[in-house]
Amino acid sequence: MSKKSRSTFVRGNDRLDELLAKPEIAAGVAEVEAEAGEMDRVYAENLAMIRRAGDLTQVEVAERLGVGQAVVSRLERRSDMLLSTLAEYLHATGAEQPRIVVLLNGMEMEIDLDRFRATDSA
């Protein structure tokens, strides 16, 4: 029988530090972080743009949602949210028939966000 060698435990942070010490890896990580930051900024601008198109303040949207203004501010800056939360936010801004449209294999597909609303608007 051969003896199995035991691997030594390496802390994740130590391994990350080792990888980030390599310029090519550090540059790649920095590029991805910059792209993600830009996507987050555009996403937040788009939600705020919809609110402003409805000529509403964060306070007014918050009142319609039954939350505080700080919650709306956080929603507009979030990089990820539930479809039901997005649908409620859009309705609070006055948006009608909110939907997501994607192109898949040359075919346009639509998702009606009203399906995901947490409350019934009727």
PDB file of N, CA and C in Angstrom:
ATOM      1  N   MET A   1       0.823  -1.180   0.000  1.00  0.00           N
ATOM      2  CA  MET A   1       0.000   0.000   0.000  1.00  0.00           C
ATOM      3  C   MET A   1       0.864   1.239   0.000  1.00  0.00           C
ATOM      4  N   SER A   2       0.489   2.154  -0.830  1.00  0.00           N
ATOM      5  CA  SER A   2       1.239   3.407  -0.841  1.00  0.00           C
ATOM      6  C   SER A   2       0.571   4.399   0.089  1.00  0.00           C
ATOM      7  N   LYS A   3       1.384   5.224   0.668  1.00  0.00           N
ATOM      8  CA  LYS A   3       0.853   6.235   1.575  1.00  0.00           C
ATOM      9  C   LYS A   3       0.374   7.429   0.766  1.00  0.00           C
ATOM     10  N   LYS A   4      -0.791   7.925   1.154  1.00  0.00           N
ATOM     11  CA  LYS A   4      -1.303   9.129   0.514  1.00  0.00           C
ATOM     12  C   LYS A   4      -0.697  10.328   1.215  1.00  0.00           C
ATOM     13  N   SER A   5      -0.242  11.259   0.420  1.00  0.00           N
ATOM     14  CA  SER A   5       0.310  12.462   1.042  1.00  0.00           C
ATOM     15  C   SER A   5      -0.839  13.380   1.427  1.00  0.00           C
ATOM     16  N   ARG A   6      -0.704  13.971   2.569  1.00  0.00           N
ATOM     17  CA  ARG A   6      -1.725  14.898   3.047  1.00  0.00           C
ATOM     18  C   ARG A   6      -1.435  16.271   2.479  1.00  0.00           C
ATOM     19  N   SER A   7      -2.467  16.892   1.972  1.00  0.00           N
ATOM     20  CA  SER A   7      -2.269  18.249   1.477  1.00  0.00           C
ATOM     21  C   SER A   7      -2.318  19.208   2.659  1.00  0.00           C
ATOM     22  N   THR A   8      -1.576  20.246   2.529  1.00  0.00           N
ATOM     23  CA  THR A   8      -1.514  21.248   3.577  1.00  0.00           C
ATOM     24  C   THR A   8      -2.629  22.250   3.364  1.00  0.00           C
ATOM     25  N   PHE A   9      -3.257  22.627   4.443  1.00  0.00           N
ATOM     26  CA  PHE A   9      -4.331  23.617   4.373  1.00  0.00           C
ATOM     27  C   PHE A   9      -3.739  24.971   4.006  1.00  0.00           C
ATOM     28  N   VAL A  10      -4.359  25.610   3.035  1.00  0.00           N
ATOM     29  CA  VAL A  10      -3.930  26.941   2.620  1.00  0.00           C
ATOM     30  C   VAL A  10      -5.121  27.870   2.796  1.00  0.00           C
ATOM     31  N   ARG A  11      -4.914  28.930   3.534  1.00  0.00           N
ATOM     32  CA  ARG A  11      -5.990  29.899   3.740  1.00  0.00           C
ATOM     33  C   ARG A  11      -6.340  30.553   2.410  1.00  0.00           C
ATOM     34  N   GLY A  12      -7.635  30.748   2.187  1.00  0.00           N
ATOM     35  CA  GLY A  12      -8.100  31.358   0.947  1.00  0.00           C
ATOM     36  C   GLY A  12      -7.535  32.744   0.725  1.00  0.00           C
ATOM     37  N   ASN A  13      -7.471  33.547   1.789  1.00  0.00           N
ATOM     38  CA  ASN A  13      -6.939  34.908   1.651  1.00  0.00           C
ATOM     39  C   ASN A  13      -5.475  34.891   1.235  1.00  0.00           C
ATOM     40  N   ASP A  14      -4.723  33.940   1.773  1.00  0.00           N
ATOM     41  CA  ASP A  14      -3.314  33.830   1.396  1.00  0.00           C
ATOM     42  C   ASP A  14      -3.184  33.471  -0.083  1.00  0.00           C
ATOM     43  N   ARG A  15      -4.019  32.556  -0.543  1.00  0.00           N
ATOM     44  CA  ARG A  15      -3.988  32.148  -1.954  1.00  0.00           C
ATOM     45  C   ARG A  15      -4.388  33.321  -2.852  1.00  0.00           C
ATOM     46  N   LEU A  16      -5.417  34.077  -2.451  1.00  0.00           N
ATOM     47  CA  LEU A  16      -5.824  35.253  -3.227  1.00  0.00           C
ATOM     48  C   LEU A  16      -4.708  36.281  -3.292  1.00  0.00           C
ATOM     49  N   ASP A  17      -4.076  36.537  -2.161  1.00  0.00           N
ATOM     50  CA  ASP A  17      -2.966  37.493  -2.139  1.00  0.00           C
ATOM     51  C   ASP A  17      -1.852  37.052  -3.087  1.00  0.00           C
ATOM     52  N   GLU A  18      -1.581  35.751  -3.089  1.00  0.00           N
ATOM     53  CA  GLU A  18      -0.543  35.202  -3.964  1.00  0.00           C
ATOM     54  C   GLU A  18      -0.911  35.401  -5.441  1.00  0.00           C
ATOM     55  N   LEU A  19      -2.166  35.132  -5.772  1.00  0.00           N
ATOM     56  CA  LEU A  19      -2.614  35.306  -7.158  1.00  0.00           C
ATOM     57  C   LEU A  19      -2.625  36.776  -7.564  1.00  0.00           C
ATOM     58  N   LEU A  20      -3.102  37.640  -6.670  1.00  0.00           N
ATOM     59  CA  LEU A  20      -3.183  39.068  -6.992  1.00  0.00           C
ATOM     60  C   LEU A  20      -1.817  39.735  -7.067  1.00  0.00           C
ATOM     61  N   ALA A  21      -0.786  39.059  -6.569  1.00  0.00           N
ATOM     62  CA  ALA A  21       0.572  39.592  -6.673  1.00  0.00           C
ATOM     63  C   ALA A  21       1.087  39.477  -8.111  1.00  0.00           C
ATOM     64  N   LYS A  22       0.429  38.638  -8.916  1.00  0.00           N
ATOM     65  CA  LYS A  22       0.809  38.493 -10.325  1.00  0.00           C
ATOM     66  C   LYS A  22       0.136  39.616 -11.109  1.00  0.00           C
ATOM     67  N   PRO A  23       0.920  40.465 -11.770  1.00  0.00           N
ATOM     68  CA  PRO A  23       0.368  41.644 -12.458  1.00  0.00           C
ATOM     69  C   PRO A  23      -0.737  41.325 -13.462  1.00  0.00           C
ATOM     70  N   GLU A  24      -0.585  40.242 -14.221  1.00  0.00           N
ATOM     71  CA  GLU A  24      -1.593  39.929 -15.232  1.00  0.00           C
ATOM     72  C   GLU A  24      -2.932  39.542 -14.595  1.00  0.00           C
ATOM     73  N   ILE A  25      -2.881  38.864 -13.466  1.00  0.00           N
ATOM     74  CA  ILE A  25      -4.112  38.488 -12.767  1.00  0.00           C
ATOM     75  C   ILE A  25      -4.720  39.710 -12.091  1.00  0.00           C
ATOM     76  N   ALA A  26      -3.883  40.510 -11.449  1.00  0.00           N
ATOM     77  CA  ALA A  26      -4.374  41.724 -10.786  1.00  0.00           C
ATOM     78  C   ALA A  26      -5.034  42.659 -11.796  1.00  0.00           C
ATOM     79  N   ALA A  27      -4.450  42.775 -12.985  1.00  0.00           N
ATOM     80  CA  ALA A  27      -5.024  43.641 -14.022  1.00  0.00           C
ATOM     81  C   ALA A  27      -6.375  43.104 -14.486  1.00  0.00           C
ATOM     82  N   GLY A  28      -6.473  41.794 -14.640  1.00  0.00           N
ATOM     83  CA  GLY A  28      -7.744  41.181 -15.046  1.00  0.00           C
ATOM     84  C   GLY A  28      -8.829  41.386 -14.011  1.00  0.00           C
ATOM     85  N   VAL A  29      -8.475  41.224 -12.746  1.00  0.00           N
ATOM     86  CA  VAL A  29      -9.435  41.433 -11.659  1.00  0.00           C
ATOM     87  C   VAL A  29      -9.875  42.893 -11.624  1.00  0.00           C
ATOM     88  N   ALA A  30      -8.937  43.806 -11.766  1.00  0.00           N
ATOM     89  CA  ALA A  30      -9.265  45.236 -11.758  1.00  0.00           C
ATOM     90  C   ALA A  30     -10.204  45.578 -12.908  1.00  0.00           C
ATOM     91  N   GLU A  31      -9.972  44.978 -14.068  1.00  0.00           N
ATOM     92  CA  GLU A  31     -10.830  45.235 -15.230  1.00  0.00           C
ATOM     93  C   GLU A  31     -12.254  44.736 -14.980  1.00  0.00           C
ATOM     94  N   VAL A  32     -12.379  43.537 -14.430  1.00  0.00           N
ATOM     95  CA  VAL A  32     -13.700  42.980 -14.129  1.00  0.00           C
ATOM     96  C   VAL A  32     -14.409  43.832 -13.080  1.00  0.00           C
ATOM     97  N   GLU A  33     -13.681  44.261 -12.049  1.00  0.00           N
ATOM     98  CA  GLU A  33     -14.286  45.110 -11.020  1.00  0.00           C
ATOM     99  C   GLU A  33     -14.763  46.432 -11.607  1.00  0.00           C
ATOM    100  N   ALA A  34     -13.986  47.005 -12.506  1.00  0.00           N
ATOM    101  CA  ALA A  34     -14.378  48.271 -13.141  1.00  0.00           C
ATOM    102  C   ALA A  34     -15.628  48.079 -13.994  1.00  0.00           C
ATOM    103  N   GLU A  35     -15.678  46.986 -14.751  1.00  0.00           N
ATOM    104  CA  GLU A  35     -16.851  46.704 -15.579  1.00  0.00           C
ATOM    105  C   GLU A  35     -18.083  46.484 -14.712  1.00  0.00           C
ATOM    106  N   ALA A  36     -17.931  45.752 -13.618  1.00  0.00           N
ATOM    107  CA  ALA A  36     -19.058  45.507 -12.716  1.00  0.00           C
ATOM    108  C   ALA A  36     -19.531  46.813 -12.093  1.00  0.00           C
ATOM    109  N   GLY A  37     -18.599  47.657 -11.709  1.00  0.00           N
ATOM    110  CA  GLY A  37     -18.962  48.956 -11.146  1.00  0.00           C
ATOM    111  C   GLY A  37     -19.716  49.808 -12.141  1.00  0.00           C
ATOM    112  N   GLU A  38     -19.292  49.774 -13.392  1.00  0.00           N
ATOM    113  CA  GLU A  38     -19.980  50.532 -14.447  1.00  0.00           C
ATOM    114  C   GLU A  38     -21.380  49.983 -14.680  1.00  0.00           C
ATOM    115  N   MET A  39     -21.520  48.658 -14.689  1.00  0.00           N
ATOM    116  CA  MET A  39     -22.844  48.057 -14.867  1.00  0.00           C
ATOM    117  C   MET A  39     -23.760  48.431 -13.709  1.00  0.00           C
ATOM    118  N   ASP A  40     -23.244  48.423 -12.483  1.00  0.00           N
ATOM    119  CA  ASP A  40     -24.038  48.820 -11.317  1.00  0.00           C
ATOM    120  C   ASP A  40     -24.484  50.268 -11.439  1.00  0.00           C
ATOM    121  N   ARG A  41     -23.578  51.137 -11.905  1.00  0.00           N
ATOM    122  CA  ARG A  41     -23.904  52.558 -12.047  1.00  0.00           C
ATOM    123  C   ARG A  41     -25.004  52.749 -13.088  1.00  0.00           C
ATOM    124  N   VAL A  42     -24.880  52.073 -14.224  1.00  0.00           N
ATOM    125  CA  VAL A  42     -25.880  52.186 -15.290  1.00  0.00           C
ATOM    126  C   VAL A  42     -27.225  51.661 -14.806  1.00  0.00           C
ATOM    127  N   TYR A  43     -27.206  50.528 -14.097  1.00  0.00           N
ATOM    128  CA  TYR A  43     -28.437  49.944 -13.563  1.00  0.00           C
ATOM    129  C   TYR A  43     -29.124  50.932 -12.631  1.00  0.00           C
ATOM    130  N   ALA A  44     -28.374  51.503 -11.699  1.00  0.00           N
ATOM    131  CA  ALA A  44     -28.946  52.460 -10.748  1.00  0.00           C
ATOM    132  C   ALA A  44     -29.462  53.695 -11.471  1.00  0.00           C
ATOM    133  N   GLU A  45     -28.729  54.165 -12.461  1.00  0.00           N
ATOM    134  CA  GLU A  45     -29.180  55.330 -13.226  1.00  0.00           C
ATOM    135  C   GLU A  45     -30.479  55.028 -13.951  1.00  0.00           C
ATOM    136  N   ASN A  46     -30.626  53.808 -14.462  1.00  0.00           N
ATOM    137  CA  ASN A  46     -31.837  53.457 -15.189  1.00  0.00           C
ATOM    138  C   ASN A  46     -33.053  53.448 -14.281  1.00  0.00           C
ATOM    139  N   LEU A  47     -32.939  52.894 -13.077  1.00  0.00           N
ATOM    140  CA  LEU A  47     -34.071  52.908 -12.156  1.00  0.00           C
ATOM    141  C   LEU A  47     -34.424  54.336 -11.761  1.00  0.00           C
ATOM    142  N   ALA A  48     -33.423  55.124 -11.429  1.00  0.00           N
ATOM    143  CA  ALA A  48     -33.675  56.519 -11.060  1.00  0.00           C
ATOM    144  C   ALA A  48     -34.243  57.283 -12.253  1.00  0.00           C
ATOM    145  N   MET A  49     -33.786  56.960 -13.457  1.00  0.00           N
ATOM    146  CA  MET A  49     -34.286  57.620 -14.664  1.00  0.00           C
ATOM    147  C   MET A  49     -35.780  57.343 -14.846  1.00  0.00           C
ATOM    148  N   ILE A  50     -36.198  56.125 -14.582  1.00  0.00           N
ATOM    149  CA  ILE A  50     -37.619  55.779 -14.683  1.00  0.00           C
ATOM    150  C   ILE A  50     -38.416  56.585 -13.661  1.00  0.00           C
ATOM    151  N   ARG A  51     -37.902  56.668 -12.436  1.00  0.00           N
ATOM    152  CA  ARG A  51     -38.581  57.447 -11.389  1.00  0.00           C
ATOM    153  C   ARG A  51     -38.690  58.907 -11.799  1.00  0.00           C
ATOM    154  N   ARG A  52     -37.594  59.459 -12.302  1.00  0.00           N
ATOM    155  CA  ARG A  52     -37.598  60.868 -12.712  1.00  0.00           C
ATOM    156  C   ARG A  52     -38.520  61.101 -13.907  1.00  0.00           C
ATOM    157  N   ALA A  53     -38.619  60.118 -14.810  1.00  0.00           N
ATOM    158  CA  ALA A  53     -39.532  60.248 -15.955  1.00  0.00           C
ATOM    159  C   ALA A  53     -40.976  60.358 -15.478  1.00  0.00           C
ATOM    160  N   GLY A  54     -41.264  59.748 -14.339  1.00  0.00           N
ATOM    161  CA  GLY A  54     -42.587  59.873 -13.729  1.00  0.00           C
ATOM    162  C   GLY A  54     -42.720  61.133 -12.904  1.00  0.00           C
ATOM    163  N   ASP A  55     -41.671  61.974 -12.932  1.00  0.00           N
ATOM    164  CA  ASP A  55     -41.645  63.236 -12.187  1.00  0.00           C
ATOM    165  C   ASP A  55     -41.879  63.007 -10.693  1.00  0.00           C
ATOM    166  N   LEU A  56     -41.196  61.984 -10.171  1.00  0.00           N
ATOM    167  CA  LEU A  56     -41.348  61.612  -8.765  1.00  0.00           C
ATOM    168  C   LEU A  56     -40.019  61.706  -8.029  1.00  0.00           C
ATOM    169  N   THR A  57     -40.112  61.990  -6.747  1.00  0.00           N
ATOM    170  CA  THR A  57     -38.943  61.953  -5.876  1.00  0.00           C
ATOM    171  C   THR A  57     -38.864  60.572  -5.228  1.00  0.00           C
ATOM    172  N   GLN A  58     -37.736  60.293  -4.617  1.00  0.00           N
ATOM    173  CA  GLN A  58     -37.615  59.037  -3.869  1.00  0.00           C
ATOM    174  C   GLN A  58     -38.627  58.994  -2.733  1.00  0.00           C
ATOM    175  N   VAL A  59     -38.897  60.123  -2.120  1.00  0.00           N
ATOM    176  CA  VAL A  59     -39.868  60.181  -1.017  1.00  0.00           C
ATOM    177  C   VAL A  59     -41.256  59.785  -1.523  1.00  0.00           C
ATOM    178  N   GLU A  60     -41.645  60.294  -2.687  1.00  0.00           N
ATOM    179  CA  GLU A  60     -42.966  59.972  -3.234  1.00  0.00           C
ATOM    180  C   GLU A  60     -43.081  58.493  -3.594  1.00  0.00           C
ATOM    181  N   VAL A  61     -42.039  57.935  -4.182  1.00  0.00           N
ATOM    182  CA  VAL A  61     -42.051  56.503  -4.504  1.00  0.00           C
ATOM    183  C   VAL A  61     -42.105  55.694  -3.214  1.00  0.00           C
ATOM    184  N   ALA A  62     -41.353  56.122  -2.218  1.00  0.00           N
ATOM    185  CA  ALA A  62     -41.351  55.430  -0.926  1.00  0.00           C
ATOM    186  C   ALA A  62     -42.747  55.412  -0.317  1.00  0.00           C
ATOM    187  N   GLU A  63     -43.444  56.541  -0.379  1.00  0.00           N
ATOM    188  CA  GLU A  63     -44.810  56.605   0.160  1.00  0.00           C
ATOM    189  C   GLU A  63     -45.717  55.614  -0.561  1.00  0.00           C
ATOM    190  N   ARG A  64     -45.585  55.526  -1.869  1.00  0.00           N
ATOM    191  CA  ARG A  64     -46.408  54.596  -2.648  1.00  0.00           C
ATOM    192  C   ARG A  64     -46.096  53.140  -2.317  1.00  0.00           C
ATOM    193  N   LEU A  65     -44.847  52.883  -1.963  1.00  0.00           N
ATOM    194  CA  LEU A  65     -44.439  51.520  -1.606  1.00  0.00           C
ATOM    195  C   LEU A  65     -44.679  51.204  -0.135  1.00  0.00           C
ATOM    196  N   GLY A  66     -44.927  52.241   0.658  1.00  0.00           N
ATOM    197  CA  GLY A  66     -45.113  52.034   2.096  1.00  0.00           C
ATOM    198  C   GLY A  66     -43.810  51.789   2.828  1.00  0.00           C
ATOM    199  N   VAL A  67     -42.741  52.405   2.339  1.00  0.00           N
ATOM    200  CA  VAL A  67     -41.421  52.260   2.960  1.00  0.00           C
ATOM    201  C   VAL A  67     -40.811  53.642   3.139  1.00  0.00           C
ATOM    202  N   GLY A  68     -39.642  53.701   3.725  1.00  0.00           N
ATOM    203  CA  GLY A  68     -38.937  54.961   3.881  1.00  0.00           C
ATOM    204  C   GLY A  68     -38.118  55.304   2.642  1.00  0.00           C
ATOM    205  N   GLN A  69     -37.745  56.563   2.522  1.00  0.00           N
ATOM    206  CA  GLN A  69     -36.957  57.036   1.379  1.00  0.00           C
ATOM    207  C   GLN A  69     -35.639  56.296   1.262  1.00  0.00           C
ATOM    208  N   ALA A  70     -35.031  55.957   2.399  1.00  0.00           N
ATOM    209  CA  ALA A  70     -33.742  55.255   2.375  1.00  0.00           C
ATOM    210  C   ALA A  70     -33.861  53.902   1.673  1.00  0.00           C
ATOM    211  N   VAL A  71     -35.017  53.256   1.809  1.00  0.00           N
ATOM    212  CA  VAL A  71     -35.232  51.963   1.147  1.00  0.00           C
ATOM    213  C   VAL A  71     -35.222  52.149  -0.371  1.00  0.00           C
ATOM    214  N   VAL A  72     -35.879  53.199  -0.852  1.00  0.00           N
ATOM    215  CA  VAL A  72     -35.899  53.471  -2.295  1.00  0.00           C
ATOM    216  C   VAL A  72     -34.489  53.787  -2.785  1.00  0.00           C
ATOM    217  N   SER A  73     -33.753  54.561  -2.015  1.00  0.00           N
ATOM    218  CA  SER A  73     -32.371  54.878  -2.376  1.00  0.00           C
ATOM    219  C   SER A  73     -31.550  53.599  -2.517  1.00  0.00           C
ATOM    220  N   ARG A  74     -31.704  52.684  -1.563  1.00  0.00           N
ATOM    221  CA  ARG A  74     -30.971  51.411  -1.625  1.00  0.00           C
ATOM    222  C   ARG A  74     -31.420  50.576  -2.824  1.00  0.00           C
ATOM    223  N   LEU A  75     -32.738  50.561  -3.094  1.00  0.00           N
ATOM    224  CA  LEU A  75     -33.238  49.808  -4.248  1.00  0.00           C
ATOM    225  C   LEU A  75     -32.603  50.303  -5.537  1.00  0.00           C
ATOM    226  N   GLU A  76     -32.499  51.618  -5.657  1.00  0.00           N
ATOM    227  CA  GLU A  76     -31.951  52.194  -6.881  1.00  0.00           C
ATOM    228  C   GLU A  76     -30.457  51.925  -7.041  1.00  0.00           C
ATOM    229  N   ARG A  77     -29.785  51.593  -5.951  1.00  0.00           N
ATOM    230  CA  ARG A  77     -28.341  51.313  -6.018  1.00  0.00           C
ATOM    231  C   ARG A  77     -28.027  49.828  -6.038  1.00  0.00           C
ATOM    232  N   ARG A  78     -29.020  48.984  -5.799  1.00  0.00           N
ATOM    233  CA  ARG A  78     -28.767  47.544  -5.721  1.00  0.00           C
ATOM    234  C   ARG A  78     -28.312  46.987  -7.056  1.00  0.00           C
ATOM    235  N   SER A  79     -27.451  46.011  -6.993  1.00  0.00           N
ATOM    236  CA  SER A  79     -26.989  45.351  -8.213  1.00  0.00           C
ATOM    237  C   SER A  79     -27.834  44.124  -8.538  1.00  0.00           C
ATOM    238  N   ASP A  80     -28.743  43.770  -7.627  1.00  0.00           N
ATOM    239  CA  ASP A  80     -29.547  42.569  -7.821  1.00  0.00           C
ATOM    240  C   ASP A  80     -30.842  42.738  -7.035  1.00  0.00           C
ATOM    241  N   MET A  81     -31.965  42.353  -7.625  1.00  0.00           N
ATOM    242  CA  MET A  81     -33.214  42.395  -6.877  1.00  0.00           C
ATOM    243  C   MET A  81     -34.184  41.366  -7.436  1.00  0.00           C
ATOM    244  N   LEU A  82     -35.145  40.991  -6.615  1.00  0.00           N
ATOM    245  CA  LEU A  82     -36.172  40.051  -7.039  1.00  0.00           C
ATOM    246  C   LEU A  82     -37.047  40.689  -8.110  1.00  0.00           C
ATOM    247  N   LEU A  83     -37.573  39.878  -8.997  1.00  0.00           N
ATOM    248  CA  LEU A  83     -38.471  40.400 -10.028  1.00  0.00           C
ATOM    249  C   LEU A  83     -39.711  41.024  -9.403  1.00  0.00           C
ATOM    250  N   SER A  84     -40.203  40.458  -8.301  1.00  0.00           N
ATOM    251  CA  SER A  84     -41.377  41.034  -7.632  1.00  0.00           C
ATOM    252  C   SER A  84     -41.062  42.420  -7.085  1.00  0.00           C
ATOM    253  N   THR A  85     -39.861  42.613  -6.560  1.00  0.00           N
ATOM    254  CA  THR A  85     -39.452  43.925  -6.053  1.00  0.00           C
ATOM    255  C   THR A  85     -39.352  44.922  -7.196  1.00  0.00           C
ATOM    256  N   LEU A  86     -38.766  44.503  -8.300  1.00  0.00           N
ATOM    257  CA  LEU A  86     -38.660  45.367  -9.469  1.00  0.00           C
ATOM    258  C   LEU A  86     -40.046  45.756  -9.974  1.00  0.00           C
ATOM    259  N   ALA A  87     -40.959  44.790 -10.049  1.00  0.00           N
ATOM    260  CA  ALA A  87     -42.318  45.071 -10.518  1.00  0.00           C
ATOM    261  C   ALA A  87     -43.011  46.076  -9.606  1.00  0.00           C
ATOM    262  N   GLU A  88     -42.882  45.911  -8.298  1.00  0.00           N
ATOM    263  CA  GLU A  88     -43.508  46.845  -7.353  1.00  0.00           C
ATOM    264  C   GLU A  88     -42.904  48.238  -7.490  1.00  0.00           C
ATOM    265  N   TYR A  89     -41.597  48.316  -7.615  1.00  0.00           N
ATOM    266  CA  TYR A  89     -40.931  49.607  -7.786  1.00  0.00           C
ATOM    267  C   TYR A  89     -41.443  50.290  -9.049  1.00  0.00           C
ATOM    268  N   LEU A  90     -41.487  49.560 -10.157  1.00  0.00           N
ATOM    269  CA  LEU A  90     -41.930  50.139 -11.421  1.00  0.00           C
ATOM    270  C   LEU A  90     -43.367  50.637 -11.337  1.00  0.00           C
ATOM    271  N   HIS A  91     -44.241  49.861 -10.703  1.00  0.00           N
ATOM    272  CA  HIS A  91     -45.629  50.310 -10.541  1.00  0.00           C
ATOM    273  C   HIS A  91     -45.699  51.556  -9.663  1.00  0.00           C
ATOM    274  N   ALA A  92     -44.865  51.619  -8.646  1.00  0.00           N
ATOM    275  CA  ALA A  92     -44.857  52.799  -7.766  1.00  0.00           C
ATOM    276  C   ALA A  92     -44.412  54.051  -8.516  1.00  0.00           C
ATOM    277  N   THR A  93     -43.635  53.870  -9.577  1.00  0.00           N
ATOM    278  CA  THR A  93     -43.198  55.025 -10.368  1.00  0.00           C
ATOM    279  C   THR A  93     -44.236  55.425 -11.410  1.00  0.00           C
ATOM    280  N   GLY A  94     -45.274  54.615 -11.542  1.00  0.00           N
ATOM    281  CA  GLY A  94     -46.308  54.902 -12.526  1.00  0.00           C
ATOM    282  C   GLY A  94     -46.140  54.145 -13.825  1.00  0.00           C
ATOM    283  N   ALA A  95     -45.131  53.295 -13.900  1.00  0.00           N
ATOM    284  CA  ALA A  95     -44.908  52.512 -15.122  1.00  0.00           C
ATOM    285  C   ALA A  95     -46.072  51.552 -15.338  1.00  0.00           C
ATOM    286  N   GLU A  96     -46.445  51.376 -16.585  1.00  0.00           N
ATOM    287  CA  GLU A  96     -47.527  50.463 -16.936  1.00  0.00           C
ATOM    288  C   GLU A  96     -46.984  49.333 -17.793  1.00  0.00           C
ATOM    289  N   GLN A  97     -47.569  48.167 -17.635  1.00  0.00           N
ATOM    290  CA  GLN A  97     -47.197  46.973 -18.384  1.00  0.00           C
ATOM    291  C   GLN A  97     -45.689  46.713 -18.373  1.00  0.00           C
ATOM    292  N   PRO A  98     -45.077  46.654 -17.195  1.00  0.00           N
ATOM    293  CA  PRO A  98     -43.628  46.419 -17.150  1.00  0.00           C
ATOM    294  C   PRO A  98     -43.286  45.014 -17.639  1.00  0.00           C
ATOM    295  N   ARG A  99     -42.246  44.947 -18.443  1.00  0.00           N
ATOM    296  CA  ARG A  99     -41.825  43.648 -18.961  1.00  0.00           C
ATOM    297  C   ARG A  99     -40.333  43.658 -19.278  1.00  0.00           C
ATOM    298  N   ILE A 100     -39.800  42.466 -19.350  1.00  0.00           N
ATOM    299  CA  ILE A 100     -38.408  42.271 -19.742  1.00  0.00           C
ATOM    300  C   ILE A 100     -38.442  41.606 -21.111  1.00  0.00           C
ATOM    301  N   VAL A 101     -37.678  42.136 -22.042  1.00  0.00           N
ATOM    302  CA  VAL A 101     -37.631  41.578 -23.392  1.00  0.00           C
ATOM    303  C   VAL A 101     -36.199  41.119 -23.659  1.00  0.00           C
ATOM    304  N   VAL A 102     -36.073  39.876 -24.117  1.00  0.00           N
ATOM    305  CA  VAL A 102     -34.760  39.329 -24.454  1.00  0.00           C
ATOM    306  C   VAL A 102     -34.808  38.756 -25.862  1.00  0.00           C
ATOM    307  N   LEU A 103     -33.660  38.668 -26.483  1.00  0.00           N
ATOM    308  CA  LEU A 103     -33.535  38.062 -27.799  1.00  0.00           C
ATOM    309  C   LEU A 103     -32.808  36.738 -27.615  1.00  0.00           C
ATOM    310  N   LEU A 104     -33.451  35.656 -28.020  1.00  0.00           N
ATOM    311  CA  LEU A 104     -32.877  34.327 -27.857  1.00  0.00           C
ATOM    312  C   LEU A 104     -32.983  33.582 -29.182  1.00  0.00           C
ATOM    313  N   ASN A 105     -31.845  33.203 -29.732  1.00  0.00           N
ATOM    314  CA  ASN A 105     -31.810  32.503 -31.026  1.00  0.00           C
ATOM    315  C   ASN A 105     -32.596  33.260 -32.094  1.00  0.00           C
ATOM    316  N   GLY A 106     -32.453  34.580 -32.089  1.00  0.00           N
ATOM    317  CA  GLY A 106     -33.121  35.404 -33.084  1.00  0.00           C
ATOM    318  C   GLY A 106     -34.597  35.650 -32.821  1.00  0.00           C
ATOM    319  N   MET A 107     -35.115  35.128 -31.720  1.00  0.00           N
ATOM    320  CA  MET A 107     -36.527  35.296 -31.406  1.00  0.00           C
ATOM    321  C   MET A 107     -36.672  36.177 -30.161  1.00  0.00           C
ATOM    322  N   GLU A 108     -37.534  37.181 -30.267  1.00  0.00           N
ATOM    323  CA  GLU A 108     -37.776  38.068 -29.136  1.00  0.00           C
ATOM    324  C   GLU A 108     -38.745  37.396 -28.173  1.00  0.00           C
ATOM    325  N   MET A 109     -38.352  37.360 -26.899  1.00  0.00           N
ATOM    326  CA  MET A 109     -39.189  36.745 -25.869  1.00  0.00           C
ATOM    327  C   MET A 109     -39.453  37.783 -24.793  1.00  0.00           C
ATOM    328  N   GLU A 110     -40.661  37.764 -24.263  1.00  0.00           N
ATOM    329  CA  GLU A 110     -41.092  38.782 -23.314  1.00  0.00           C
ATOM    330  C   GLU A 110     -41.572  38.135 -22.019  1.00  0.00           C
ATOM    331  N   ILE A 111     -41.170  38.727 -20.906  1.00  0.00           N
ATOM    332  CA  ILE A 111     -41.628  38.282 -19.590  1.00  0.00           C
ATOM    333  C   ILE A 111     -42.434  39.421 -18.990  1.00  0.00           C
ATOM    334  N   ASP A 112     -43.692  39.154 -18.683  1.00  0.00           N
ATOM    335  CA  ASP A 112     -44.571  40.153 -18.083  1.00  0.00           C
ATOM    336  C   ASP A 112     -44.275  40.218 -16.585  1.00  0.00           C
ATOM    337  N   LEU A 113     -43.774  41.353 -16.120  1.00  0.00           N
ATOM    338  CA  LEU A 113     -43.413  41.485 -14.706  1.00  0.00           C
ATOM    339  C   LEU A 113     -44.624  41.544 -13.786  1.00  0.00           C
ATOM    340  N   ASP A 114     -45.810  41.839 -14.328  1.00  0.00           N
ATOM    341  CA  ASP A 114     -47.011  41.835 -13.488  1.00  0.00           C
ATOM    342  C   ASP A 114     -47.233  40.467 -12.853  1.00  0.00           C
ATOM    343  N   ARG A 115     -46.759  39.416 -13.504  1.00  0.00           N
ATOM    344  CA  ARG A 115     -46.886  38.060 -12.948  1.00  0.00           C
ATOM    345  C   ARG A 115     -46.157  37.920 -11.618  1.00  0.00           C
ATOM    346  N   PHE A 116     -45.164  38.754 -11.394  1.00  0.00           N
ATOM    347  CA  PHE A 116     -44.314  38.617 -10.214  1.00  0.00           C
ATOM    348  C   PHE A 116     -44.677  39.589  -9.095  1.00  0.00           C
ATOM    349  N   ARG A 117     -45.687  40.414  -9.311  1.00  0.00           N
ATOM    350  CA  ARG A 117     -46.044  41.395  -8.286  1.00  0.00           C
ATOM    351  C   ARG A 117     -46.496  40.694  -7.023  1.00  0.00           C
ATOM    352  N   ALA A 118     -46.064  41.230  -5.895  1.00  0.00           N
ATOM    353  CA  ALA A 118     -46.400  40.637  -4.597  1.00  0.00           C
ATOM    354  C   ALA A 118     -47.835  40.949  -4.199  1.00  0.00           C
ATOM    355  N   THR A 119     -48.383  42.055  -4.713  1.00  0.00           N
ATOM    356  CA  THR A 119     -49.746  42.448  -4.359  1.00  0.00           C
ATOM    357  C   THR A 119     -50.593  42.539  -5.609  1.00  0.00           C
ATOM    358  N   ASP A 120     -51.882  42.426  -5.419  1.00  0.00           N
ATOM    359  CA  ASP A 120     -52.822  42.530  -6.537  1.00  0.00           C
ATOM    360  C   ASP A 120     -53.248  43.973  -6.684  1.00  0.00           C
ATOM    361  N   SER A 121     -53.145  44.516  -7.891  1.00  0.00           N
ATOM    362  CA  SER A 121     -53.475  45.921  -8.109  1.00  0.00           C
ATOM    363  C   SER A 121     -54.949  46.131  -8.419  1.00  0.00           C
ATOM    364  N   ALA A 122     -55.739  45.083  -8.483  1.00  0.00           N
ATOM    365  CA  ALA A 122     -57.159  45.213  -8.825  1.00  0.00           C
ATOM    366  C   ALA A 122     -57.996  45.686  -7.677  1.00  0.00           C
TER     367      ALA A 122
END
